[in-house]
Amino acid sequence: MAIEGQPRVIIYGEVAERFSASAASASPVVETAAVGVKAGTAFTPNATGTATAVGVKASLSIALVASTPQTIDLKAMAALSGTKAFAIVHAIVVQDQGDPTAAGTVTISNTGVNAWTNGPFNATGVVIAKGGEWAQRNAQAAGWAVTTTNKIVTLTPSANNTTLNILILGE
């Protein structure tokens, strides 16, 4: 589902992870999948130093409790496939798994101590509706830098619980 006023993103290429649930477990599991961000761009797995390099990839599934902010530390992220630490981020995809007919939003921002001000989010934040998705790619080789003092992303749900699936590609 596209968010009003947001560009639609085409996802393709054998370089990242996806979410699925097995029949035996309701928990998401990581699988190799087709992922790239922006038509005409393929990411290069296990690479560094270019705008399409993907040396680090992380998939997260985060259950958010109504009106309770949570943070993601891009230097020490507990991802589905283990702890990840980014120096550079090249692309982010966020999907709200809620019912698109239900009320509620999630705001993703760079507020708080050690906020990731180099990334695509600002203090006002990006708002994602239930069932919505948001994706952004940095086409520069330098990407969005992540440092020890510039690394925290804040997820703030409205007055409704929801679950976000997040995919981050970088180095």
N, C-alpha and C. Protein backbone atom coordinates (compact mmCIF):
# COMPACT_ATOMS: atom_id res chain seq x y z
N MET A 1 0.84 -1.17 0.00
CA MET A 1 0.00 0.00 0.00
C MET A 1 0.88 1.24 0.00
N ALA A 2 0.73 2.12 -0.95
CA ALA A 2 1.51 3.35 -1.01
C ALA A 2 0.91 4.38 -0.07
N ILE A 3 1.78 5.19 0.50
CA ILE A 3 1.34 6.27 1.37
C ILE A 3 1.13 7.49 0.50
N GLU A 4 0.05 8.19 0.72
CA GLU A 4 -0.29 9.38 -0.05
C GLU A 4 0.90 10.33 -0.10
N GLY A 5 1.30 10.74 -1.30
CA GLY A 5 2.38 11.69 -1.47
C GLY A 5 3.77 11.08 -1.43
N GLN A 6 3.89 9.78 -1.16
CA GLN A 6 5.18 9.11 -1.11
C GLN A 6 5.42 8.40 -2.44
N PRO A 7 6.68 8.41 -2.94
CA PRO A 7 6.95 7.68 -4.17
C PRO A 7 6.85 6.19 -3.93
N ARG A 8 6.43 5.46 -4.93
CA ARG A 8 6.35 4.00 -4.84
C ARG A 8 7.74 3.44 -5.08
N VAL A 9 8.13 2.45 -4.35
CA VAL A 9 9.45 1.86 -4.46
C VAL A 9 9.34 0.47 -5.02
N ILE A 10 10.19 0.15 -5.97
CA ILE A 10 10.22 -1.19 -6.55
C ILE A 10 11.33 -1.95 -5.83
N ILE A 11 11.02 -3.14 -5.37
CA ILE A 11 11.98 -3.93 -4.61
C ILE A 11 12.34 -5.18 -5.40
N TYR A 12 13.65 -5.42 -5.60
CA TYR A 12 14.10 -6.55 -6.39
C TYR A 12 15.58 -6.81 -6.14
N GLY A 13 16.16 -7.89 -6.66
CA GLY A 13 17.59 -8.19 -6.59
C GLY A 13 17.90 -9.17 -5.47
N GLU A 14 18.82 -10.09 -5.64
CA GLU A 14 19.09 -11.13 -4.64
C GLU A 14 20.14 -10.64 -3.66
N VAL A 15 19.77 -9.74 -2.72
CA VAL A 15 20.78 -9.20 -1.81
C VAL A 15 20.33 -9.03 -0.38
N ALA A 16 19.12 -9.30 -0.02
CA ALA A 16 18.72 -8.96 1.33
C ALA A 16 17.91 -10.06 1.98
N GLU A 17 17.06 -9.68 2.90
CA GLU A 17 16.28 -10.62 3.66
C GLU A 17 14.81 -10.25 3.56
N ARG A 18 13.94 -11.21 3.87
CA ARG A 18 12.52 -10.91 3.89
C ARG A 18 11.91 -11.55 5.12
N PHE A 19 10.68 -11.22 5.36
CA PHE A 19 9.98 -11.74 6.51
C PHE A 19 8.97 -12.79 6.06
N SER A 20 8.82 -13.83 6.84
CA SER A 20 7.75 -14.79 6.63
C SER A 20 7.48 -15.47 7.95
N ALA A 21 6.42 -16.19 8.03
CA ALA A 21 6.12 -16.93 9.25
C ALA A 21 5.94 -18.39 8.86
N SER A 22 6.50 -19.27 9.66
CA SER A 22 6.34 -20.69 9.35
C SER A 22 5.01 -21.17 9.90
N ALA A 23 4.54 -22.28 9.40
CA ALA A 23 3.26 -22.83 9.87
C ALA A 23 3.35 -23.23 11.34
N ALA A 24 4.55 -23.62 11.78
CA ALA A 24 4.72 -24.08 13.17
C ALA A 24 4.91 -22.94 14.15
N SER A 25 5.20 -21.75 13.64
CA SER A 25 5.48 -20.63 14.54
C SER A 25 4.92 -19.35 13.97
N ALA A 26 4.37 -18.52 14.82
CA ALA A 26 3.86 -17.22 14.37
C ALA A 26 4.99 -16.21 14.29
N SER A 27 6.19 -16.57 14.79
CA SER A 27 7.33 -15.65 14.76
C SER A 27 7.88 -15.52 13.35
N PRO A 28 8.29 -14.29 12.97
CA PRO A 28 8.87 -14.12 11.65
C PRO A 28 10.23 -14.81 11.58
N VAL A 29 10.59 -15.30 10.42
CA VAL A 29 11.90 -15.90 10.20
C VAL A 29 12.55 -15.21 9.01
N VAL A 30 13.87 -15.22 8.98
CA VAL A 30 14.60 -14.55 7.91
C VAL A 30 14.84 -15.53 6.78
N GLU A 31 14.62 -15.09 5.56
CA GLU A 31 14.90 -15.90 4.38
C GLU A 31 15.62 -15.03 3.37
N THR A 32 16.41 -15.65 2.50
CA THR A 32 17.00 -14.90 1.39
C THR A 32 15.86 -14.49 0.47
N ALA A 33 15.91 -13.28 -0.02
CA ALA A 33 14.80 -12.82 -0.85
C ALA A 33 15.27 -11.81 -1.88
N ALA A 34 14.34 -11.42 -2.70
CA ALA A 34 14.62 -10.43 -3.72
C ALA A 34 14.41 -9.04 -3.14
N VAL A 35 15.48 -8.28 -3.04
CA VAL A 35 15.33 -6.92 -2.51
C VAL A 35 16.37 -6.01 -3.13
N GLY A 36 15.94 -4.84 -3.52
CA GLY A 36 16.76 -3.73 -3.97
C GLY A 36 15.83 -2.56 -3.87
N VAL A 37 16.30 -1.35 -3.86
CA VAL A 37 15.41 -0.22 -3.73
C VAL A 37 15.66 0.71 -4.89
N LYS A 38 14.64 1.03 -5.65
CA LYS A 38 14.61 1.94 -6.77
C LYS A 38 14.82 1.19 -8.08
N ALA A 39 13.94 1.41 -8.98
CA ALA A 39 14.04 0.77 -10.29
C ALA A 39 15.39 1.08 -10.92
N GLY A 40 16.01 0.09 -11.52
CA GLY A 40 17.28 0.29 -12.20
C GLY A 40 18.49 0.16 -11.29
N THR A 41 18.31 -0.16 -10.01
CA THR A 41 19.43 -0.27 -9.09
C THR A 41 19.46 -1.66 -8.49
N ALA A 42 20.57 -2.35 -8.64
CA ALA A 42 20.77 -3.63 -7.99
C ALA A 42 21.84 -3.46 -6.93
N PHE A 43 21.65 -4.00 -5.75
CA PHE A 43 22.64 -3.92 -4.69
C PHE A 43 23.64 -5.06 -4.83
N THR A 44 24.87 -4.82 -4.38
CA THR A 44 25.93 -5.80 -4.47
C THR A 44 26.17 -6.42 -3.10
N PRO A 45 25.89 -7.70 -2.92
CA PRO A 45 26.07 -8.31 -1.62
C PRO A 45 27.54 -8.43 -1.22
N ASN A 46 27.79 -8.40 0.09
CA ASN A 46 29.14 -8.59 0.65
C ASN A 46 30.15 -7.62 0.07
N ALA A 47 29.73 -6.39 -0.15
CA ALA A 47 30.61 -5.38 -0.73
C ALA A 47 30.67 -4.16 0.17
N THR A 48 31.65 -3.28 -0.09
CA THR A 48 31.76 -2.02 0.64
C THR A 48 32.21 -0.94 -0.32
N GLY A 49 31.99 0.33 0.07
CA GLY A 49 32.55 1.45 -0.64
C GLY A 49 31.80 1.99 -1.83
N THR A 50 30.62 1.48 -2.13
CA THR A 50 29.85 2.02 -3.25
C THR A 50 28.41 2.29 -2.78
N ALA A 51 27.67 3.01 -3.60
CA ALA A 51 26.28 3.34 -3.26
C ALA A 51 25.39 2.12 -3.26
N THR A 52 25.84 1.03 -3.86
CA THR A 52 25.02 -0.18 -3.92
C THR A 52 25.58 -1.32 -3.07
N ALA A 53 26.58 -1.02 -2.25
CA ALA A 53 27.21 -2.06 -1.43
C ALA A 53 26.31 -2.48 -0.28
N VAL A 54 26.27 -3.78 -0.03
CA VAL A 54 25.53 -4.32 1.10
C VAL A 54 26.44 -5.33 1.81
N GLY A 55 27.22 -4.82 2.76
CA GLY A 55 28.05 -5.69 3.57
C GLY A 55 27.35 -6.08 4.85
N VAL A 56 26.37 -5.27 5.26
CA VAL A 56 25.58 -5.55 6.47
C VAL A 56 24.11 -5.40 6.10
N LYS A 57 23.29 -6.37 6.49
CA LYS A 57 21.85 -6.28 6.28
C LYS A 57 21.17 -6.74 7.55
N ALA A 58 20.06 -6.11 7.88
CA ALA A 58 19.36 -6.47 9.10
C ALA A 58 17.86 -6.45 8.86
N SER A 59 17.19 -7.47 9.37
CA SER A 59 15.73 -7.54 9.36
C SER A 59 15.26 -7.53 10.80
N LEU A 60 14.28 -6.71 11.10
CA LEU A 60 13.72 -6.63 12.44
C LEU A 60 12.23 -6.75 12.36
N SER A 61 11.63 -7.36 13.34
CA SER A 61 10.19 -7.36 13.51
C SER A 61 9.95 -6.86 14.93
N ILE A 62 9.36 -5.68 15.04
CA ILE A 62 9.23 -5.02 16.34
C ILE A 62 7.76 -4.84 16.68
N ALA A 63 7.35 -5.41 17.80
CA ALA A 63 5.98 -5.22 18.31
C ALA A 63 5.98 -3.93 19.14
N LEU A 64 5.16 -2.98 18.72
CA LEU A 64 5.07 -1.70 19.42
C LEU A 64 3.81 -1.66 20.26
N VAL A 65 3.96 -1.19 21.49
CA VAL A 65 2.84 -1.04 22.41
C VAL A 65 2.33 0.39 22.29
N ALA A 66 1.02 0.56 22.28
CA ALA A 66 0.38 1.86 22.10
C ALA A 66 1.06 2.96 22.92
N SER A 67 1.38 4.05 22.26
CA SER A 67 1.91 5.28 22.89
C SER A 67 3.22 5.07 23.64
N THR A 68 3.94 3.98 23.35
CA THR A 68 5.20 3.70 24.05
C THR A 68 6.34 3.68 23.03
N PRO A 69 7.15 4.75 23.01
CA PRO A 69 8.26 4.79 22.06
C PRO A 69 9.28 3.69 22.31
N GLN A 70 9.87 3.18 21.23
CA GLN A 70 11.00 2.25 21.29
C GLN A 70 12.10 2.82 20.42
N THR A 71 13.34 2.44 20.72
CA THR A 71 14.46 2.92 19.92
C THR A 71 15.20 1.76 19.28
N ILE A 72 15.85 2.08 18.16
CA ILE A 72 16.74 1.15 17.48
C ILE A 72 18.13 1.77 17.51
N ASP A 73 19.12 1.02 17.98
CA ASP A 73 20.52 1.46 17.99
C ASP A 73 21.19 0.84 16.77
N LEU A 74 21.53 1.65 15.79
CA LEU A 74 22.11 1.15 14.54
C LEU A 74 23.53 0.61 14.72
N LYS A 75 24.14 0.85 15.87
CA LYS A 75 25.47 0.32 16.17
C LYS A 75 25.42 -0.99 16.94
N ALA A 76 24.26 -1.33 17.49
CA ALA A 76 24.12 -2.57 18.27
C ALA A 76 22.68 -3.06 18.15
N MET A 77 22.29 -3.42 16.94
CA MET A 77 20.91 -3.76 16.64
C MET A 77 20.66 -5.25 16.80
N ALA A 78 19.66 -5.60 17.58
CA ALA A 78 19.26 -7.00 17.73
C ALA A 78 18.32 -7.33 16.58
N ALA A 79 18.86 -7.88 15.51
CA ALA A 79 18.08 -8.23 14.33
C ALA A 79 17.69 -9.69 14.38
N LEU A 80 16.80 -10.10 13.49
CA LEU A 80 16.35 -11.48 13.43
C LEU A 80 17.49 -12.45 13.15
N SER A 81 18.52 -11.99 12.45
CA SER A 81 19.64 -12.85 12.09
C SER A 81 20.88 -12.57 12.94
N GLY A 82 20.71 -11.97 14.12
CA GLY A 82 21.84 -11.70 15.02
C GLY A 82 22.09 -10.21 15.16
N THR A 83 23.02 -9.86 16.03
CA THR A 83 23.34 -8.46 16.28
C THR A 83 24.06 -7.86 15.09
N LYS A 84 23.64 -6.67 14.69
CA LYS A 84 24.23 -5.98 13.54
C LYS A 84 24.74 -4.61 13.97
N ALA A 85 25.82 -4.14 13.33
CA ALA A 85 26.36 -2.82 13.58
C ALA A 85 26.65 -2.15 12.24
N PHE A 86 26.03 -1.01 12.00
CA PHE A 86 26.21 -0.30 10.74
C PHE A 86 27.19 0.85 10.90
N ALA A 87 27.99 1.09 9.86
CA ALA A 87 28.80 2.30 9.75
C ALA A 87 28.15 3.24 8.75
N ILE A 88 27.48 2.63 7.75
CA ILE A 88 26.79 3.37 6.69
C ILE A 88 25.49 2.64 6.38
N VAL A 89 24.43 3.40 6.15
CA VAL A 89 23.16 2.82 5.71
C VAL A 89 22.89 3.32 4.30
N HIS A 90 22.51 2.39 3.41
CA HIS A 90 22.19 2.75 2.03
C HIS A 90 20.69 2.70 1.74
N ALA A 91 19.94 1.89 2.47
CA ALA A 91 18.50 1.78 2.19
C ALA A 91 17.76 1.27 3.43
N ILE A 92 16.52 1.73 3.56
CA ILE A 92 15.65 1.30 4.65
C ILE A 92 14.26 1.06 4.07
N VAL A 93 13.65 -0.06 4.48
CA VAL A 93 12.26 -0.36 4.12
C VAL A 93 11.52 -0.65 5.42
N VAL A 94 10.38 0.01 5.63
CA VAL A 94 9.57 -0.19 6.83
C VAL A 94 8.15 -0.56 6.40
N GLN A 95 7.63 -1.63 6.98
CA GLN A 95 6.25 -2.06 6.69
C GLN A 95 5.49 -2.18 8.00
N ASP A 96 4.35 -1.51 8.09
CA ASP A 96 3.46 -1.69 9.24
C ASP A 96 2.56 -2.87 8.93
N GLN A 97 2.54 -3.86 9.83
CA GLN A 97 1.79 -5.09 9.60
C GLN A 97 0.34 -5.01 10.06
N GLY A 98 -0.08 -3.83 10.54
CA GLY A 98 -1.45 -3.67 11.02
C GLY A 98 -2.48 -3.69 9.91
N ASP A 99 -3.72 -3.83 10.31
CA ASP A 99 -4.87 -3.82 9.40
C ASP A 99 -5.01 -2.42 8.81
N PRO A 100 -4.94 -2.26 7.48
CA PRO A 100 -5.02 -0.94 6.89
C PRO A 100 -6.36 -0.24 7.12
N THR A 101 -7.38 -0.98 7.55
CA THR A 101 -8.66 -0.33 7.83
C THR A 101 -8.75 0.12 9.29
N ALA A 102 -7.75 -0.23 10.09
CA ALA A 102 -7.75 0.14 11.53
C ALA A 102 -7.10 1.50 11.74
N ALA A 103 -7.44 2.11 12.86
CA ALA A 103 -6.84 3.39 13.22
C ALA A 103 -5.43 3.17 13.72
N GLY A 104 -4.61 4.19 13.60
CA GLY A 104 -3.28 4.14 14.18
C GLY A 104 -2.18 4.45 13.18
N THR A 105 -1.10 5.01 13.71
CA THR A 105 0.08 5.34 12.92
C THR A 105 1.32 5.05 13.76
N VAL A 106 2.46 5.09 13.10
CA VAL A 106 3.76 5.04 13.77
C VAL A 106 4.58 6.18 13.20
N THR A 107 5.25 6.93 14.09
CA THR A 107 6.15 7.99 13.66
C THR A 107 7.58 7.52 13.88
N ILE A 108 8.39 7.61 12.83
CA ILE A 108 9.81 7.24 12.91
C ILE A 108 10.60 8.54 12.85
N SER A 109 11.40 8.78 13.91
CA SER A 109 12.09 10.07 14.01
C SER A 109 13.51 9.90 14.52
N ASN A 110 14.22 11.02 14.58
CA ASN A 110 15.58 11.03 15.11
C ASN A 110 15.65 11.88 16.37
N THR A 111 14.77 11.64 17.30
CA THR A 111 14.75 12.41 18.55
C THR A 111 15.51 11.68 19.65
N GLY A 112 15.91 12.41 20.68
CA GLY A 112 16.56 11.79 21.84
C GLY A 112 18.07 11.85 21.79
N VAL A 113 18.69 11.24 22.79
CA VAL A 113 20.14 11.20 22.92
C VAL A 113 20.74 10.33 21.82
N ASN A 114 21.81 10.81 21.21
CA ASN A 114 22.51 10.10 20.12
C ASN A 114 21.61 9.83 18.91
N ALA A 115 20.68 10.74 18.65
CA ALA A 115 19.75 10.58 17.52
C ALA A 115 20.52 10.48 16.20
N TRP A 116 20.01 9.65 15.28
CA TRP A 116 20.63 9.46 13.98
C TRP A 116 20.25 10.61 13.05
N THR A 117 20.92 11.75 13.23
CA THR A 117 20.59 12.95 12.45
C THR A 117 21.16 12.91 11.05
N ASN A 118 22.04 11.96 10.75
CA ASN A 118 22.57 11.81 9.39
C ASN A 118 21.62 11.06 8.47
N GLY A 119 20.61 10.41 9.03
CA GLY A 119 19.72 9.56 8.26
C GLY A 119 18.56 10.31 7.62
N PRO A 120 17.59 9.58 7.09
CA PRO A 120 16.48 10.18 6.36
C PRO A 120 15.37 10.73 7.25
N PHE A 121 15.47 10.55 8.56
CA PHE A 121 14.41 11.00 9.47
C PHE A 121 14.80 12.32 10.13
N ASN A 122 13.80 13.13 10.47
CA ASN A 122 14.06 14.35 11.22
C ASN A 122 13.30 14.28 12.54
N ALA A 123 13.35 15.36 13.32
CA ALA A 123 12.70 15.36 14.63
C ALA A 123 11.18 15.24 14.52
N THR A 124 10.60 15.77 13.44
CA THR A 124 9.16 15.66 13.22
C THR A 124 8.79 14.23 12.88
N GLY A 125 9.63 13.58 12.09
CA GLY A 125 9.45 12.17 11.78
C GLY A 125 8.65 11.89 10.53
N VAL A 126 8.73 10.63 10.13
CA VAL A 126 7.96 10.08 9.02
C VAL A 126 6.80 9.32 9.63
N VAL A 127 5.58 9.56 9.16
CA VAL A 127 4.40 8.90 9.71
C VAL A 127 3.94 7.80 8.75
N ILE A 128 3.79 6.60 9.31
CA ILE A 128 3.32 5.45 8.53
C ILE A 128 1.98 5.00 9.09
N ALA A 129 0.98 4.88 8.23
CA ALA A 129 -0.35 4.43 8.64
C ALA A 129 -0.37 2.92 8.80
N LYS A 130 -1.37 2.41 9.51
CA LYS A 130 -1.55 0.96 9.65
C LYS A 130 -1.59 0.33 8.26
N GLY A 131 -0.82 -0.75 8.10
CA GLY A 131 -0.78 -1.43 6.81
C GLY A 131 0.05 -0.72 5.77
N GLY A 132 0.65 0.41 6.13
CA GLY A 132 1.43 1.20 5.17
C GLY A 132 2.89 0.78 5.11
N GLU A 133 3.60 1.36 4.17
CA GLU A 133 5.01 1.08 4.02
C GLU A 133 5.74 2.35 3.63
N TRP A 134 7.03 2.37 3.93
CA TRP A 134 7.88 3.52 3.61
C TRP A 134 9.25 2.98 3.26
N ALA A 135 9.88 3.52 2.22
CA ALA A 135 11.21 3.09 1.83
C ALA A 135 12.01 4.29 1.35
N GLN A 136 13.31 4.23 1.62
CA GLN A 136 14.18 5.32 1.18
C GLN A 136 15.55 4.74 0.87
N ARG A 137 16.20 5.26 -0.16
CA ARG A 137 17.54 4.84 -0.54
C ARG A 137 18.42 6.06 -0.66
N ASN A 138 19.66 5.97 -0.19
CA ASN A 138 20.65 7.02 -0.38
C ASN A 138 21.55 6.57 -1.52
N ALA A 139 21.52 7.30 -2.64
CA ALA A 139 22.23 6.91 -3.85
C ALA A 139 23.70 7.31 -3.84
N GLN A 140 24.17 7.93 -2.77
CA GLN A 140 25.57 8.34 -2.68
C GLN A 140 26.42 7.20 -2.10
N ALA A 141 27.66 7.07 -2.53
CA ALA A 141 28.54 6.03 -2.00
C ALA A 141 28.74 6.19 -0.49
N ALA A 142 28.74 7.43 -0.01
CA ALA A 142 28.93 7.67 1.43
C ALA A 142 27.71 7.27 2.25
N GLY A 143 26.55 7.13 1.60
CA GLY A 143 25.32 6.73 2.30
C GLY A 143 25.00 7.65 3.46
N TRP A 144 24.23 7.13 4.41
CA TRP A 144 23.94 7.86 5.65
C TRP A 144 24.88 7.31 6.72
N ALA A 145 25.78 8.13 7.21
CA ALA A 145 26.77 7.68 8.20
C ALA A 145 26.10 7.37 9.53
N VAL A 146 26.63 6.36 10.20
CA VAL A 146 26.21 5.97 11.55
C VAL A 146 27.46 6.02 12.42
N THR A 147 27.40 6.78 13.52
CA THR A 147 28.54 6.88 14.43
C THR A 147 28.09 6.51 15.84
N THR A 148 29.01 6.48 16.77
CA THR A 148 28.65 6.14 18.15
C THR A 148 27.79 7.20 18.81
N THR A 149 27.80 8.41 18.27
CA THR A 149 26.95 9.47 18.83
C THR A 149 25.83 9.89 17.88
N ASN A 150 25.66 9.18 16.80
CA ASN A 150 24.67 9.51 15.78
C ASN A 150 24.10 8.19 15.27
N LYS A 151 23.21 7.53 16.10
CA LYS A 151 22.86 6.14 15.82
C LYS A 151 21.47 5.69 16.24
N ILE A 152 20.70 6.52 16.91
CA ILE A 152 19.42 6.09 17.48
C ILE A 152 18.24 6.55 16.63
N VAL A 153 17.36 5.59 16.28
CA VAL A 153 16.11 5.87 15.57
C VAL A 153 14.98 5.59 16.56
N THR A 154 14.01 6.51 16.65
CA THR A 154 12.89 6.36 17.58
C THR A 154 11.62 6.00 16.83
N LEU A 155 10.92 4.96 17.33
CA LEU A 155 9.65 4.50 16.78
C LEU A 155 8.56 4.81 17.79
N THR A 156 7.60 5.66 17.41
CA THR A 156 6.55 6.08 18.35
C THR A 156 5.18 5.74 17.77
N PRO A 157 4.52 4.72 18.34
CA PRO A 157 3.17 4.37 17.86
C PRO A 157 2.13 5.33 18.44
N SER A 158 1.02 5.46 17.75
CA SER A 158 -0.11 6.23 18.29
C SER A 158 -0.77 5.39 19.37
N ALA A 159 -2.01 5.62 19.63
CA ALA A 159 -2.71 4.93 20.72
C ALA A 159 -3.15 3.51 20.37
N ASN A 160 -2.46 2.88 19.42
CA ASN A 160 -2.80 1.52 19.02
C ASN A 160 -1.53 0.67 18.93
N ASN A 161 -1.62 -0.59 19.33
CA ASN A 161 -0.50 -1.52 19.17
C ASN A 161 -0.33 -1.84 17.69
N THR A 162 0.91 -2.15 17.29
CA THR A 162 1.17 -2.58 15.93
C THR A 162 2.52 -3.30 15.88
N THR A 163 2.82 -3.90 14.74
CA THR A 163 4.11 -4.54 14.52
C THR A 163 4.72 -3.97 13.25
N LEU A 164 6.01 -3.62 13.33
CA LEU A 164 6.74 -3.13 12.17
C LEU A 164 7.74 -4.18 11.73
N ASN A 165 7.84 -4.40 10.42
CA ASN A 165 8.93 -5.16 9.83
C ASN A 165 9.85 -4.14 9.19
N ILE A 166 11.14 -4.22 9.53
CA ILE A 166 12.11 -3.24 9.06
C ILE A 166 13.28 -3.97 8.41
N LEU A 167 13.69 -3.52 7.24
CA LEU A 167 14.85 -4.04 6.54
C LEU A 167 15.83 -2.89 6.35
N ILE A 168 17.09 -3.08 6.76
CA ILE A 168 18.11 -2.05 6.61
C ILE A 168 19.29 -2.67 5.87
N LEU A 169 19.77 -1.98 4.82
CA LEU A 169 20.90 -2.42 4.01
C LEU A 169 22.02 -1.40 4.13
N GLY A 170 23.24 -1.84 4.31
CA GLY A 170 24.36 -0.90 4.41
C GLY A 170 25.69 -1.60 4.55
N GLU A 171 26.61 -0.91 5.20
CA GLU A 171 27.97 -1.43 5.41
C GLU A 171 28.32 -1.30 6.88
